[in-house]
Structure formats: structure tokens, C-alpha cells
PDB file of all heavy atoms in Angstrom:
ATOM      1  N   GLY A   1      92.884 102.421  93.562  1.00  0.00           N
ATOM      2  CA  GLY A   1      94.079 101.585  93.698  1.00  0.00           C
ATOM      3  C   GLY A   1      93.773 100.082  93.656  1.00  0.00           C
ATOM      4  O   GLY A   1      92.591  99.692  93.780  1.00  0.00           O
ATOM      5  N   SER A   2      94.799  99.274  93.573  1.00  0.00           N
ATOM      6  CA  SER A   2      94.701  97.813  93.641  1.00  0.00           C
ATOM      7  C   SER A   2      95.391  97.336  94.893  1.00  0.00           C
ATOM      8  O   SER A   2      96.136  98.100  95.546  1.00  0.00           O
ATOM      9  CB  SER A   2      95.305  97.170  92.387  1.00  0.00           C
ATOM     10  OG  SER A   2      94.660  97.660  91.219  1.00  0.00           O
ATOM     11  N   VAL A   3      95.180  96.099  95.255  1.00  0.00           N
ATOM     12  CA  VAL A   3      95.722  95.538  96.492  1.00  0.00           C
ATOM     13  C   VAL A   3      96.459  94.266  96.164  1.00  0.00           C
ATOM     14  O   VAL A   3      96.025  93.395  95.402  1.00  0.00           O
ATOM     15  CB  VAL A   3      94.588  95.249  97.515  1.00  0.00           C
ATOM     16  CG1 VAL A   3      95.193  94.590  98.777  1.00  0.00           C
ATOM     17  CG2 VAL A   3      93.858  96.527  97.870  1.00  0.00           C
ATOM     18  N   ALA A   4      97.691  94.145  96.738  1.00  0.00           N
ATOM     19  CA  ALA A   4      98.499  92.949  96.628  1.00  0.00           C
ATOM     20  C   ALA A   4      98.585  92.246  97.988  1.00  0.00           C
ATOM     21  O   ALA A   4      98.968  92.863  98.977  1.00  0.00           O
ATOM     22  CB  ALA A   4      99.915  93.284  96.114  1.00  0.00           C
ATOM     23  N   ALA A   5      98.260  90.981  98.005  1.00  0.00           N
ATOM     24  CA  ALA A   5      98.478  90.178  99.252  1.00  0.00           C
ATOM     25  C   ALA A   5      99.858  89.633  99.203  1.00  0.00           C
ATOM     26  O   ALA A   5     100.289  89.002  98.228  1.00  0.00           O
ATOM     27  CB  ALA A   5      97.490  89.026  99.301  1.00  0.00           C
ATOM     28  N   VAL A   6     100.653  89.922 100.235  1.00  0.00           N
ATOM     29  CA  VAL A   6     102.067  89.570 100.262  1.00  0.00           C
ATOM     30  C   VAL A   6     102.332  88.639 101.433  1.00  0.00           C
ATOM     31  O   VAL A   6     101.959  88.893 102.572  1.00  0.00           O
ATOM     32  CB  VAL A   6     102.967  90.837 100.411  1.00  0.00           C
ATOM     33  CG1 VAL A   6     104.426  90.465 100.326  1.00  0.00           C
ATOM     34  CG2 VAL A   6     102.630  91.857  99.311  1.00  0.00           C
ATOM     35  N   PHE A   7     102.984  87.494 101.143  1.00  0.00           N
ATOM     36  CA  PHE A   7     103.322  86.550 102.173  1.00  0.00           C
ATOM     37  C   PHE A   7     104.706  86.884 102.720  1.00  0.00           C
ATOM     38  O   PHE A   7     105.445  87.664 102.088  1.00  0.00           O
ATOM     39  CB  PHE A   7     103.271  85.107 101.535  1.00  0.00           C
ATOM     40  CG  PHE A   7     101.889  84.794 101.072  1.00  0.00           C
ATOM     41  CD1 PHE A   7     101.497  85.107  99.726  1.00  0.00           C
ATOM     42  CD2 PHE A   7     100.975  84.146 101.878  1.00  0.00           C
ATOM     43  CE1 PHE A   7     100.236  84.794  99.250  1.00  0.00           C
ATOM     44  CE2 PHE A   7      99.711  83.849 101.424  1.00  0.00           C
ATOM     45  CZ  PHE A   7      99.336  84.170 100.118  1.00  0.00           C
ATOM     46  N   PRO A   8     105.058  86.362 103.909  1.00  0.00           N
ATOM     47  CA  PRO A   8     106.324  86.729 104.504  1.00  0.00           C
ATOM     48  C   PRO A   8     107.509  86.414 103.730  1.00  0.00           C
ATOM     49  O   PRO A   8     107.481  85.433 102.955  1.00  0.00           O
ATOM     50  CB  PRO A   8     106.285  85.920 105.822  1.00  0.00           C
ATOM     51  CG  PRO A   8     104.822  85.520 106.045  1.00  0.00           C
ATOM     52  CD  PRO A   8     104.292  85.329 104.624  1.00  0.00           C
ATOM     53  N   ILE A   9     108.642  87.145 103.845  1.00  0.00           N
ATOM     54  CA  ILE A   9     108.886  88.099 104.889  1.00  0.00           C
ATOM     55  C   ILE A   9     109.361  89.419 104.289  1.00  0.00           C
ATOM     56  O   ILE A   9     108.860  90.475 104.556  1.00  0.00           O
ATOM     57  CB  ILE A   9     109.952  87.602 105.873  1.00  0.00           C
ATOM     58  CG1 ILE A   9     109.424  86.339 106.591  1.00  0.00           C
ATOM     59  CG2 ILE A   9     110.293  88.630 106.905  1.00  0.00           C
ATOM     60  CD1 ILE A   9     110.538  85.610 107.363  1.00  0.00           C
ATOM     61  N   HIS A  10     110.366  89.361 103.376  1.00  0.00           N
ATOM     62  CA  HIS A  10     110.986  90.527 102.804  1.00  0.00           C
ATOM     63  C   HIS A  10     110.516  90.738 101.353  1.00  0.00           C
ATOM     64  O   HIS A  10     110.487  89.749 100.585  1.00  0.00           O
ATOM     65  CB  HIS A  10     112.499  90.438 102.818  1.00  0.00           C
ATOM     66  CG  HIS A  10     113.037  90.183 104.213  1.00  0.00           C
ATOM     67  ND1 HIS A  10     113.118  91.208 105.157  1.00  0.00           N
ATOM     68  CD2 HIS A  10     113.562  89.069 104.801  1.00  0.00           C
ATOM     69  CE1 HIS A  10     113.653  90.688 106.272  1.00  0.00           C
ATOM     70  NE2 HIS A  10     113.906  89.385 106.120  1.00  0.00           N
ATOM     71  N   TYR A  11     110.151  91.977 101.010  1.00  0.00           N
ATOM     72  CA  TYR A  11     109.680  92.217  99.667  1.00  0.00           C
ATOM     73  C   TYR A  11     109.799  93.697  99.419  1.00  0.00           C
ATOM     74  O   TYR A  11     109.923  94.524 100.335  1.00  0.00           O
ATOM     75  CB  TYR A  11     108.210  91.751  99.561  1.00  0.00           C
ATOM     76  CG  TYR A  11     107.267  92.496 100.415  1.00  0.00           C
ATOM     77  CD1 TYR A  11     106.526  93.605  99.952  1.00  0.00           C
ATOM     78  CD2 TYR A  11     107.101  92.170 101.733  1.00  0.00           C
ATOM     79  CE1 TYR A  11     105.621  94.284 100.773  1.00  0.00           C
ATOM     80  CE2 TYR A  11     106.228  92.830 102.599  1.00  0.00           C
ATOM     81  CZ  TYR A  11     105.530  93.893 102.079  1.00  0.00           C
ATOM     82  OH  TYR A  11     104.681  94.643 102.917  1.00  0.00           O
ATOM     83  N   PRO A  12     109.646  94.158  98.163  1.00  0.00           N
ATOM     84  CA  PRO A  12     109.835  95.562  97.785  1.00  0.00           C
ATOM     85  C   PRO A  12     108.530  96.349  97.856  1.00  0.00           C
ATOM     86  O   PRO A  12     107.828  96.482  96.840  1.00  0.00           O
ATOM     87  CB  PRO A  12     110.378  95.492  96.405  1.00  0.00           C
ATOM     88  CG  PRO A  12     109.750  94.279  95.789  1.00  0.00           C
ATOM     89  CD  PRO A  12     109.581  93.305  96.940  1.00  0.00           C
ATOM     90  N   ARG A  13     108.193  96.871  99.006  1.00  0.00           N
ATOM     91  CA  ARG A  13     106.935  97.683  99.120  1.00  0.00           C
ATOM     92  C   ARG A  13     106.887  98.790  98.098  1.00  0.00           C
ATOM     93  O   ARG A  13     105.827  98.954  97.423  1.00  0.00           O
ATOM     94  CB  ARG A  13     106.872  98.295 100.542  1.00  0.00           C
ATOM     95  CG  ARG A  13     106.499  97.310 101.692  1.00  0.00           C
ATOM     96  CD  ARG A  13     106.235  98.188 102.920  1.00  0.00           C
ATOM     97  NE  ARG A  13     105.889  97.337 104.090  1.00  0.00           N
ATOM     98  CZ  ARG A  13     106.745  97.087 105.087  1.00  0.00           C
ATOM     99  NH1 ARG A  13     107.982  97.528 105.018  1.00  0.00           N
ATOM    100  NH2 ARG A  13     106.327  96.344 106.100  1.00  0.00           N
ATOM    101  N   PRO A  14     107.927  99.607  97.988  1.00  0.00           N
ATOM    102  CA  PRO A  14     107.785 100.743  97.055  1.00  0.00           C
ATOM    103  C   PRO A  14     107.598 100.364  95.590  1.00  0.00           C
ATOM    104  O   PRO A  14     106.971 101.094  94.818  1.00  0.00           O
ATOM    105  CB  PRO A  14     109.115 101.527  97.254  1.00  0.00           C
ATOM    106  CG  PRO A  14     110.045 100.621  97.867  1.00  0.00           C
ATOM    107  CD  PRO A  14     109.212  99.631  98.678  1.00  0.00           C
ATOM    108  N   LEU A  15     108.115  99.176  95.188  1.00  0.00           N
ATOM    109  CA  LEU A  15     107.909  98.762  93.851  1.00  0.00           C
ATOM    110  C   LEU A  15     106.419  98.496  93.554  1.00  0.00           C
ATOM    111  O   LEU A  15     105.865  98.867  92.533  1.00  0.00           O
ATOM    112  CB  LEU A  15     108.730  97.503  93.556  1.00  0.00           C
ATOM    113  CG  LEU A  15     108.669  96.942  92.138  1.00  0.00           C
ATOM    114  CD1 LEU A  15     109.039  97.984  91.074  1.00  0.00           C
ATOM    115  CD2 LEU A  15     109.554  95.683  92.004  1.00  0.00           C
ATOM    116  N   LEU A  16     105.759  97.870  94.492  1.00  0.00           N
ATOM    117  CA  LEU A  16     104.317  97.609  94.389  1.00  0.00           C
ATOM    118  C   LEU A  16     103.528  98.915  94.363  1.00  0.00           C
ATOM    119  O   LEU A  16     102.642  99.062  93.545  1.00  0.00           O
ATOM    120  CB  LEU A  16     103.852  96.671  95.517  1.00  0.00           C
ATOM    121  CG  LEU A  16     104.376  95.260  95.478  1.00  0.00           C
ATOM    122  CD1 LEU A  16     104.043  94.539  96.786  1.00  0.00           C
ATOM    123  CD2 LEU A  16     103.798  94.467  94.314  1.00  0.00           C
ATOM    124  N   ARG A  17     103.899  99.826  95.271  1.00  0.00           N
ATOM    125  CA  ARG A  17     103.110 101.097  95.302  1.00  0.00           C
ATOM    126  C   ARG A  17     103.362 101.872  94.035  1.00  0.00           C
ATOM    127  O   ARG A  17     102.432 102.591  93.570  1.00  0.00           O
ATOM    128  CB  ARG A  17     103.658 101.936  96.515  1.00  0.00           C
ATOM    129  CG  ARG A  17     103.153 101.474  97.844  1.00  0.00           C
ATOM    130  CD  ARG A  17     101.647 101.562  98.026  1.00  0.00           C
ATOM    131  NE  ARG A  17     101.096 102.839  97.820  1.00  0.00           N
ATOM    132  CZ  ARG A  17     101.069 103.858  98.697  1.00  0.00           C
ATOM    133  NH1 ARG A  17     101.601 103.657  99.898  1.00  0.00           N
ATOM    134  NH2 ARG A  17     100.466 104.972  98.405  1.00  0.00           N
ATOM    135  N   ALA A  18     104.495 101.810  93.402  1.00  0.00           N
ATOM    136  CA  ALA A  18     104.720 102.569  92.164  1.00  0.00           C
ATOM    137  C   ALA A  18     103.814 102.083  91.066  1.00  0.00           C
ATOM    138  O   ALA A  18     103.443 102.875  90.155  1.00  0.00           O
ATOM    139  CB  ALA A  18     106.184 102.367  91.702  1.00  0.00           C
ATOM    140  N   PHE A  19     103.316 100.848  91.129  1.00  0.00           N
ATOM    141  CA  PHE A  19     102.408 100.308  90.154  1.00  0.00           C
ATOM    142  C   PHE A  19     100.948 100.433  90.652  1.00  0.00           C
ATOM    143  O   PHE A  19     100.007  99.915  90.025  1.00  0.00           O
ATOM    144  CB  PHE A  19     102.694  98.862  89.861  1.00  0.00           C
ATOM    145  CG  PHE A  19     103.846  98.697  88.874  1.00  0.00           C
ATOM    146  CD1 PHE A  19     105.132  98.466  89.313  1.00  0.00           C
ATOM    147  CD2 PHE A  19     103.593  98.708  87.503  1.00  0.00           C
ATOM    148  CE1 PHE A  19     106.204  98.318  88.415  1.00  0.00           C
ATOM    149  CE2 PHE A  19     104.643  98.576  86.623  1.00  0.00           C
ATOM    150  CZ  PHE A  19     105.928  98.343  87.096  1.00  0.00           C
ATOM    151  N   GLY A  20     100.740 101.117  91.778  1.00  0.00           N
ATOM    152  CA  GLY A  20      99.363 101.333  92.296  1.00  0.00           C
ATOM    153  C   GLY A  20      98.812 100.249  93.115  1.00  0.00           C
ATOM    154  O   GLY A  20      97.604 100.218  93.491  1.00  0.00           O
ATOM    155  N   PHE A  21      99.687  99.274  93.599  1.00  0.00           N
ATOM    156  CA  PHE A  21      99.278  98.163  94.467  1.00  0.00           C
ATOM    157  C   PHE A  21      99.614  98.510  95.927  1.00  0.00           C
ATOM    158  O   PHE A  21     100.779  98.823  96.203  1.00  0.00           O
ATOM    159  CB  PHE A  21      99.958  96.863  94.069  1.00  0.00           C
ATOM    160  CG  PHE A  21      99.489  96.282  92.775  1.00  0.00           C
ATOM    161  CD1 PHE A  21     100.186  96.537  91.608  1.00  0.00           C
ATOM    162  CD2 PHE A  21      98.367  95.482  92.728  1.00  0.00           C
ATOM    163  CE1 PHE A  21      99.770  95.970  90.438  1.00  0.00           C
ATOM    164  CE2 PHE A  21      97.936  94.930  91.550  1.00  0.00           C
ATOM    165  CZ  PHE A  21      98.634  95.165  90.392  1.00  0.00           C
ATOM    166  N   LEU A  22      98.627  98.431  96.770  1.00  0.00           N
ATOM    167  CA  LEU A  22      98.889  98.552  98.214  1.00  0.00           C
ATOM    168  C   LEU A  22      99.270  97.158  98.743  1.00  0.00           C
ATOM    169  O   LEU A  22      98.468  96.201  98.659  1.00  0.00           O
ATOM    170  CB  LEU A  22      97.652  99.012  98.953  1.00  0.00           C
ATOM    171  CG  LEU A  22      97.741  98.994 100.480  1.00  0.00           C
ATOM    172  CD1 LEU A  22      98.766 100.056 100.972  1.00  0.00           C
ATOM    173  CD2 LEU A  22      96.374  99.236 101.100  1.00  0.00           C
ATOM    174  N   PRO A  23     100.473  96.978  99.271  1.00  0.00           N
ATOM    175  CA  PRO A  23     100.834  95.651  99.840  1.00  0.00           C
ATOM    176  C   PRO A  23     100.190  95.446 101.206  1.00  0.00           C
ATOM    177  O   PRO A  23     100.253  96.254 102.118  1.00  0.00           O
ATOM    178  CB  PRO A  23     102.371  95.730  99.955  1.00  0.00           C
ATOM    179  CG  PRO A  23     102.692  97.220 100.020  1.00  0.00           C
ATOM    180  CD  PRO A  23     101.617  97.935  99.287  1.00  0.00           C
ATOM    181  N   VAL A  24      99.504  94.312 101.317  1.00  0.00           N
ATOM    182  CA  VAL A  24      98.862  93.926 102.598  1.00  0.00           C
ATOM    183  C   VAL A  24      99.394  92.557 102.932  1.00  0.00           C
ATOM    184  O   VAL A  24      99.209  91.589 102.159  1.00  0.00           O
ATOM    185  CB  VAL A  24      97.325  93.911 102.484  1.00  0.00           C
ATOM    186  CG1 VAL A  24      96.729  93.392 103.774  1.00  0.00           C
ATOM    187  CG2 VAL A  24      96.818  95.347 102.132  1.00  0.00           C
ATOM    188  N   GLU A  25     100.013  92.432 104.056  1.00  0.00           N
ATOM    189  CA  GLU A  25     100.723  91.171 104.415  1.00  0.00           C
ATOM    190  C   GLU A  25      99.790  90.082 104.945  1.00  0.00           C
ATOM    191  O   GLU A  25      98.826  90.398 105.675  1.00  0.00           O
ATOM    192  CB  GLU A  25     101.897  91.490 105.388  1.00  0.00           C
ATOM    193  CG  GLU A  25     102.912  92.400 104.795  1.00  0.00           C
ATOM    194  CD  GLU A  25     103.997  92.782 105.770  1.00  0.00           C
ATOM    195  OE1 GLU A  25     104.126  92.095 106.808  1.00  0.00           O
ATOM    196  OE2 GLU A  25     104.673  93.783 105.499  1.00  0.00           O
ATOM    197  N   VAL A  26     100.124  88.855 104.701  1.00  0.00           N
ATOM    198  CA  VAL A  26      99.328  87.712 105.102  1.00  0.00           C
ATOM    199  C   VAL A  26     100.242  86.808 105.983  1.00  0.00           C
ATOM    200  O   VAL A  26     101.094  86.134 105.487  1.00  0.00           O
ATOM    201  CB  VAL A  26      98.795  86.902 103.926  1.00  0.00           C
ATOM    202  CG1 VAL A  26      97.957  85.711 104.404  1.00  0.00           C
ATOM    203  CG2 VAL A  26      98.011  87.802 102.998  1.00  0.00           C
ATOM    204  N   TRP A  27     100.085  86.899 107.309  1.00  0.00           N
ATOM    205  CA  TRP A  27     100.829  86.120 108.272  1.00  0.00           C
ATOM    206  C   TRP A  27      99.958  85.012 108.810  1.00  0.00           C
ATOM    207  O   TRP A  27      99.647  84.929 110.001  1.00  0.00           O
ATOM    208  CB  TRP A  27     101.429  86.973 109.405  1.00  0.00           C
ATOM    209  CG  TRP A  27     102.457  87.910 108.971  1.00  0.00           C
ATOM    210  CD1 TRP A  27     102.248  89.146 108.397  1.00  0.00           C
ATOM    211  CD2 TRP A  27     103.886  87.738 109.026  1.00  0.00           C
ATOM    212  NE1 TRP A  27     103.457  89.743 108.087  1.00  0.00           N
ATOM    213  CE2 TRP A  27     104.484  88.883 108.484  1.00  0.00           C
ATOM    214  CE3 TRP A  27     104.642  86.694 109.505  1.00  0.00           C
ATOM    215  CZ2 TRP A  27     105.817  89.037 108.401  1.00  0.00           C
ATOM    216  CZ3 TRP A  27     106.050  86.816 109.433  1.00  0.00           C
ATOM    217  CH2 TRP A  27     106.598  87.986 108.875  1.00  0.00           C
ATOM    218  N   GLY A  28      99.551  84.140 107.970  1.00  0.00           N
ATOM    219  CA  GLY A  28      98.677  83.065 108.377  1.00  0.00           C
ATOM    220  C   GLY A  28      97.351  83.078 107.592  1.00  0.00           C
ATOM    221  O   GLY A  28      97.233  82.438 106.570  1.00  0.00           O
ATOM    222  N   PRO A  29      96.355  83.862 108.081  1.00  0.00           N
ATOM    223  CA  PRO A  29      96.268  84.516 109.397  1.00  0.00           C
ATOM    224  C   PRO A  29      95.865  83.513 110.436  1.00  0.00           C
ATOM    225  O   PRO A  29      95.431  82.409 110.113  1.00  0.00           O
ATOM    226  CB  PRO A  29      95.187  85.606 109.181  1.00  0.00           C
ATOM    227  CG  PRO A  29      94.312  85.004 108.136  1.00  0.00           C
ATOM    228  CD  PRO A  29      95.213  84.203 107.207  1.00  0.00           C
ATOM    229  N   PRO A  30      95.953  83.880 111.759  1.00  0.00           N
ATOM    230  CA  PRO A  30      95.760  82.883 112.791  1.00  0.00           C
ATOM    231  C   PRO A  30      94.412  82.253 112.765  1.00  0.00           C
ATOM    232  O   PRO A  30      94.269  81.045 113.071  1.00  0.00           O
ATOM    233  CB  PRO A  30      95.928  83.727 114.085  1.00  0.00           C
ATOM    234  CG  PRO A  30      96.876  84.811 113.667  1.00  0.00           C
ATOM    235  CD  PRO A  30      96.481  85.149 112.270  1.00  0.00           C
ATOM    236  N   ARG A  31      93.359  82.954 112.493  1.00  0.00           N
ATOM    237  CA  ARG A  31      91.993  82.413 112.563  1.00  0.00           C
ATOM    238  C   ARG A  31      91.504  81.758 111.283  1.00  0.00           C
ATOM    239  O   ARG A  31      90.373  81.341 111.172  1.00  0.00           O
ATOM    240  CB  ARG A  31      91.033  83.512 112.958  1.00  0.00           C
ATOM    241  CG  ARG A  31      91.247  84.046 114.355  1.00  0.00           C
ATOM    242  CD  ARG A  31      91.098  82.950 115.374  1.00  0.00           C
ATOM    243  NE  ARG A  31      91.584  83.349 116.679  1.00  0.00           N
ATOM    244  CZ  ARG A  31      91.795  82.496 117.688  1.00  0.00           C
ATOM    245  NH1 ARG A  31      91.655  81.209 117.515  1.00  0.00           N
ATOM    246  NH2 ARG A  31      92.238  82.971 118.808  1.00  0.00           N
ATOM    247  N   ALA A  32      92.389  81.560 110.341  1.00  0.00           N
ATOM    248  CA  ALA A  32      91.963  80.932 109.044  1.00  0.00           C
ATOM    249  C   ALA A  32      91.658  79.488 109.224  1.00  0.00           C
ATOM    250  O   ALA A  32      90.812  78.890 108.551  1.00  0.00           O
ATOM    251  CB  ALA A  32      93.060  81.140 108.007  1.00  0.00           C
ATOM    252  N   GLY A  33      92.398  78.804 110.143  1.00  0.00           N
ATOM    253  CA  GLY A  33      92.271  77.315 110.200  1.00  0.00           C
ATOM    254  C   GLY A  33      93.015  76.683 109.077  1.00  0.00           C
ATOM    255  O   GLY A  33      93.150  77.258 107.998  1.00  0.00           O
ATOM    256  N   GLY A  34      93.479  75.470 109.271  1.00  0.00           N
ATOM    257  CA  GLY A  34      94.298  74.813 108.275  1.00  0.00           C
ATOM    258  C   GLY A  34      93.712  73.781 107.412  1.00  0.00           C
ATOM    259  O   GLY A  34      94.409  73.072 106.708  1.00  0.00           O
ATOM    260  N   ASN A  35      92.404  73.582 107.549  1.00  0.00           N
ATOM    261  CA  ASN A  35      91.792  72.406 106.895  1.00  0.00           C
ATOM    262  C   ASN A  35      91.995  72.365 105.364  1.00  0.00           C
ATOM    263  O   ASN A  35      92.393  71.330 104.804  1.00  0.00           O
ATOM    264  CB  ASN A  35      90.298  72.281 107.223  1.00  0.00           C
ATOM    265  CG  ASN A  35      90.032  72.040 108.684  1.00  0.00           C
ATOM    266  OD1 ASN A  35      90.925  71.503 109.354  1.00  0.00           O
ATOM    267  ND2 ASN A  35      88.880  72.435 109.164  1.00  0.00           N
ATOM    268  N   TRP A  36      91.678  73.456 104.700  1.00  0.00           N
ATOM    269  CA  TRP A  36      91.834  73.475 103.237  1.00  0.00           C
ATOM    270  C   TRP A  36      93.310  73.323 102.845  1.00  0.00           C
ATOM    271  O   TRP A  36      93.660  72.631 101.920  1.00  0.00           O
ATOM    272  CB  TRP A  36      91.248  74.755 102.659  1.00  0.00           C
ATOM    273  CG  TRP A  36      90.982  74.663 101.203  1.00  0.00           C
ATOM    274  CD1 TRP A  36      89.868  74.162 100.537  1.00  0.00           C
ATOM    275  CD2 TRP A  36      91.832  75.127 100.144  1.00  0.00           C
ATOM    276  NE1 TRP A  36      89.993  74.289  99.234  1.00  0.00           N
ATOM    277  CE2 TRP A  36      91.224  74.900  98.907  1.00  0.00           C
ATOM    278  CE3 TRP A  36      93.068  75.784 100.125  1.00  0.00           C
ATOM    279  CZ2 TRP A  36      91.755  75.224  97.691  1.00  0.00           C
ATOM    280  CZ3 TRP A  36      93.647  76.090  98.892  1.00  0.00           C
ATOM    281  CH2 TRP A  36      93.000  75.847  97.724  1.00  0.00           C
ATOM    282  N   GLY A  37      94.135  74.052 103.609  1.00  0.00           N
ATOM    283  CA  GLY A  37      95.572  73.998 103.330  1.00  0.00           C
ATOM    284  C   GLY A  37      96.166  72.622 103.509  1.00  0.00           C
ATOM    285  O   GLY A  37      97.098  72.192 102.882  1.00  0.00           O
TER     286      GLY A  37
END
């Protein structure tokens, strides 16, 4: 399978899965730090 990084908040999980993408959500993440951003 393939992996899709999904940012918040609402999105079609089953549409991604139908194409073989596992949706994995990105809520930050907290420990990333903001310097590059």
C-alpha cells in the first residue's frame, strides 16, 4: 500500500483507501518545532 499524509480536519478516508492510500493525519505534530515553518 501507499500512505497519504492528511492535514486537519475533514476529508474522505474511504476515497483514499479505495486507491490504496492509508490516510495518516498530521496534527502539527507537537514535537516538530516551528523553525522551518
